[in-house]
Amino acid sequence: MEILNESNTNITLQKFLTQEVFDKCETILFNWVIFTDNNLIYYDNRTLIERFTEPYFDDSANIFVKSIVRGGLDKIIFYPNRSNHVPDKHVSICDSLGRIIKRYNPFFVRPPKFNNGYIKHFSTKTAEEYALKMKRGQNRNLPYNLTNRIEVFFDHNKFSKKKLKYFQKYFNRTFKPSKRRKL
C-alpha cells in the first residue's frame, strides 16, 4: 500500500491512520491501482513489490476500492452477494482524505482518487501466474470465457507473441481474434 503525506512522500499506515481527520471514520476507502506484468512471463521468487513496479494508471481499470475498517466494531456487515470490498451503510465511510461519503453504493465503483494513497493491486502478475488463476476459475465459481480473459490480461499488459504462445501451450488451444483485439 502506498500512503502519501502532504509533501508526497511515503508514510507508514499506522501514522496515516492516526491523523485527526480520520477520527470520525469507521471505514476508509482506497482506490486500487493495477500493476502490469513488467513483461515477465514466468514466476520467480522475488516479492510482488520487487517484481511488479509498473502501474497501469487507467481510470476505467482502477475504479474499485478496498476498505480499511476500524477494529472493535460490532455493527460491521459485509454483504456476501454484493461487495466484499466495502461494508454496509451502517458505518461511517470516508475517502482517503478523511471526507465522509454520504451517497452509498455497495460496489463503490467511482472515479479513482490516488491523491492521498492507494492499494497496489497485482491482478494479473505474470502470464504463468495468470494462467494458473484462470485454471482455478473466477471468484464465486462464475463461468468465464477463456478467450475474453486472455484479452483482459493484454488490456493491462503489453502484448507479446511469447506471452500468447505461453497461454496457447498452457491451455492447449488457439485463441481467436475478437472485435476488441487481434490476438
Protein backbone atom coordinates (compact mmCIF):
# COMPACT_ATOMS: atom_id res chain seq x y z
CA MET A 1 0.00 0.00 0.00
CA GLU A 2 1.30 3.43 -0.90
CA ILE A 3 0.39 6.14 1.62
CA LEU A 4 1.46 9.69 0.85
CA ASN A 5 1.65 12.77 3.07
CA GLU A 6 1.35 16.46 2.12
CA SER A 7 4.89 16.55 0.70
CA ASN A 8 4.12 13.50 -1.49
CA THR A 9 6.43 11.14 0.42
CA ASN A 10 5.51 7.74 1.81
CA ILE A 11 4.46 7.42 5.45
CA THR A 12 3.52 4.35 7.47
CA LEU A 13 -0.06 3.12 7.56
CA GLN A 14 -0.14 3.48 11.34
CA LYS A 15 0.96 7.13 11.17
CA PHE A 16 -1.53 7.80 8.38
CA LEU A 17 -4.50 6.34 10.30
CA THR A 18 -3.73 8.29 13.49
CA GLN A 19 -4.35 11.62 11.74
CA GLU A 20 -7.14 13.61 13.38
CA VAL A 21 -9.10 13.78 10.09
CA PHE A 22 -9.83 10.02 10.41
CA ASP A 23 -11.20 10.15 13.99
CA LYS A 24 -14.78 10.19 12.64
CA CYS A 25 -14.15 7.37 10.11
CA GLU A 26 -15.05 3.77 10.85
CA THR A 27 -14.11 2.71 7.31
CA ILE A 28 -11.61 4.34 4.93
CA LEU A 29 -11.75 3.58 1.22
CA PHE A 30 -8.70 3.48 -1.01
CA ASN A 31 -8.72 3.01 -4.76
CA TRP A 32 -6.55 0.25 -6.06
CA VAL A 33 -4.00 0.70 -8.81
CA ILE A 34 -3.45 -2.28 -11.06
CA PHE A 35 0.18 -3.12 -11.74
CA THR A 36 1.38 -4.59 -15.03
CA ASP A 37 3.28 -7.84 -15.54
CA ASN A 38 6.54 -5.89 -16.14
CA ASN A 39 6.86 -8.05 -19.27
CA LEU A 40 7.59 -11.12 -17.15
CA ILE A 41 6.25 -14.44 -18.37
CA TYR A 42 7.32 -16.79 -15.57
CA TYR A 43 7.07 -16.65 -11.79
CA ASP A 44 10.21 -16.04 -9.78
CA ASN A 45 10.54 -15.92 -6.00
CA ARG A 46 11.09 -12.17 -5.57
CA THR A 47 8.37 -10.29 -3.69
CA LEU A 48 5.45 -8.80 -5.62
CA ILE A 49 6.73 -5.29 -4.99
CA GLU A 50 10.14 -6.20 -6.41
CA ARG A 51 8.74 -7.97 -9.48
CA PHE A 52 5.96 -5.57 -10.45
CA THR A 53 6.90 -1.90 -10.49
CA GLU A 54 4.91 -0.53 -13.46
CA PRO A 55 1.48 0.86 -12.50
CA TYR A 56 -1.36 0.84 -15.00
CA PHE A 57 -2.95 4.23 -14.33
CA ASP A 58 -6.13 3.89 -16.34
CA ASP A 59 -9.30 5.27 -14.79
CA SER A 60 -11.55 2.50 -16.09
CA ALA A 61 -9.34 -0.24 -14.61
CA ASN A 62 -8.86 1.41 -11.22
CA ILE A 63 -12.40 2.38 -10.24
CA PHE A 64 -12.70 -0.19 -7.47
CA VAL A 65 -11.84 0.32 -3.82
CA LYS A 66 -10.70 -1.67 -0.81
CA SER A 67 -11.58 -0.83 2.77
CA ILE A 68 -9.66 -0.36 5.96
CA VAL A 69 -12.14 -0.97 8.79
CA ARG A 70 -11.64 0.23 12.36
CA GLY A 71 -11.26 -2.72 14.73
CA GLY A 72 -13.70 -3.49 17.56
CA LEU A 73 -16.86 -2.51 15.71
CA ASP A 74 -19.80 -4.84 16.33
CA LYS A 75 -22.00 -3.47 13.57
CA ILE A 76 -19.76 -4.16 10.55
CA ILE A 77 -21.54 -6.27 7.93
CA PHE A 78 -20.19 -7.18 4.50
CA TYR A 79 -22.83 -8.25 2.02
CA PRO A 80 -21.64 -11.56 0.52
CA ASN A 81 -23.67 -11.23 -2.69
CA ARG A 82 -22.87 -7.58 -3.31
CA SER A 83 -19.39 -6.46 -2.40
CA ASN A 84 -16.75 -7.79 -0.09
CA HIS A 85 -14.72 -4.61 -0.59
CA VAL A 86 -16.95 -2.23 1.38
CA PRO A 87 -19.16 -2.80 4.45
CA ASP A 88 -22.81 -1.85 4.70
CA LYS A 89 -24.05 1.71 5.21
CA HIS A 90 -24.38 1.46 8.99
CA VAL A 91 -20.82 2.66 9.50
CA SER A 92 -19.21 5.99 8.68
CA ILE A 93 -17.33 5.65 5.41
CA CYS A 94 -14.60 8.12 4.39
CA ASP A 95 -12.36 8.56 1.39
CA SER A 96 -8.57 8.63 1.72
CA LEU A 97 -8.71 12.37 2.52
CA GLY A 98 -11.00 11.81 5.52
CA ARG A 99 -14.13 13.18 3.84
CA ILE A 100 -17.39 11.40 4.75
CA ILE A 101 -19.01 9.64 1.79
CA LYS A 102 -22.76 10.20 2.01
CA ARG A 103 -24.04 8.55 -1.16
CA TYR A 104 -23.88 4.84 -0.56
CA ASN A 105 -23.10 2.36 -3.32
CA PRO A 106 -22.40 -1.23 -2.20
CA PHE A 107 -19.97 -1.78 -5.07
CA PHE A 108 -18.23 1.58 -4.66
CA VAL A 109 -17.34 1.99 -8.28
CA ARG A 110 -16.27 5.59 -8.51
CA PRO A 111 -13.76 7.86 -10.23
CA PRO A 112 -10.33 6.93 -8.90
CA LYS A 113 -8.60 9.09 -6.34
CA PHE A 114 -4.89 8.49 -5.91
CA ASN A 115 -4.06 11.81 -4.28
CA ASN A 116 -3.50 10.57 -0.72
CA GLY A 117 -2.76 6.91 -1.20
CA TYR A 118 -3.74 3.75 -3.00
CA ILE A 119 -3.57 0.00 -2.70
CA LYS A 120 -1.33 -1.85 -5.12
CA HIS A 121 -3.38 -4.48 -6.94
CA PHE A 122 -1.50 -7.27 -8.72
CA SER A 123 -4.41 -8.69 -10.69
CA THR A 124 -2.55 -10.45 -13.47
CA LYS A 125 1.05 -10.93 -12.29
CA THR A 126 2.99 -12.99 -14.86
CA ALA A 127 1.47 -14.96 -17.75
CA GLU A 128 2.26 -18.16 -15.83
CA GLU A 129 0.51 -16.96 -12.66
CA TYR A 130 -2.46 -15.61 -14.62
CA ALA A 131 -2.90 -18.95 -16.42
CA LEU A 132 -2.97 -20.76 -13.05
CA LYS A 133 -5.55 -18.26 -11.80
CA MET A 134 -7.73 -18.80 -14.88
CA LYS A 135 -7.48 -22.57 -14.50
CA ARG A 136 -8.81 -22.27 -10.90
CA GLY A 137 -11.79 -20.21 -12.14
CA GLN A 138 -13.17 -16.87 -11.13
CA ASN A 139 -14.34 -15.92 -7.70
CA ARG A 140 -17.72 -17.33 -6.72
CA ASN A 141 -17.17 -20.09 -9.32
CA LEU A 142 -18.55 -17.91 -12.11
CA PRO A 143 -18.13 -19.32 -15.60
CA TYR A 144 -15.89 -17.34 -17.87
CA ASN A 145 -14.89 -17.17 -21.48
CA LEU A 146 -11.18 -18.04 -21.57
CA THR A 147 -10.51 -16.06 -24.76
CA ASN A 148 -12.08 -12.99 -23.15
CA ARG A 149 -9.99 -13.47 -20.00
CA ILE A 150 -6.77 -13.67 -22.05
CA GLU A 151 -7.79 -10.40 -23.72
CA VAL A 152 -8.25 -8.84 -20.27
CA PHE A 153 -4.67 -9.86 -19.48
CA PHE A 154 -3.48 -7.98 -22.56
CA ASP A 155 -5.68 -4.98 -21.70
CA HIS A 156 -3.41 -4.35 -18.68
CA ASN A 157 -0.13 -5.69 -20.08
CA LYS A 158 1.91 -5.24 -23.24
CA PHE A 159 1.07 -7.77 -25.90
CA SER A 160 3.83 -10.18 -26.93
CA LYS A 161 3.81 -13.29 -29.06
CA LYS A 162 5.79 -15.11 -26.33
CA LYS A 163 3.02 -14.49 -23.79
CA LEU A 164 0.34 -15.53 -26.26
CA LYS A 165 2.27 -18.71 -27.12
CA TYR A 166 2.56 -19.47 -23.41
CA PHE A 167 -1.24 -19.21 -22.98
CA GLN A 168 -1.87 -21.33 -26.09
CA LYS A 169 0.54 -24.04 -24.91
CA TYR A 170 -0.73 -23.96 -21.32
CA PHE A 171 -4.40 -24.25 -22.28
CA ASN A 172 -3.68 -26.42 -25.34
CA ARG A 173 -5.82 -24.27 -27.62
CA THR A 174 -5.64 -21.41 -30.09
CA PHE A 175 -7.20 -18.11 -29.17
CA LYS A 176 -9.19 -16.49 -31.96
CA PRO A 177 -9.11 -12.75 -32.56
CA SER A 178 -12.08 -10.75 -31.34
CA LYS A 179 -13.52 -7.40 -32.31
CA ARG A 180 -11.66 -5.74 -29.44
CA ARG A 181 -8.18 -7.01 -30.20
CA LYS A 182 -6.38 -9.06 -32.75
CA LEU A 183 -4.51 -11.78 -30.93
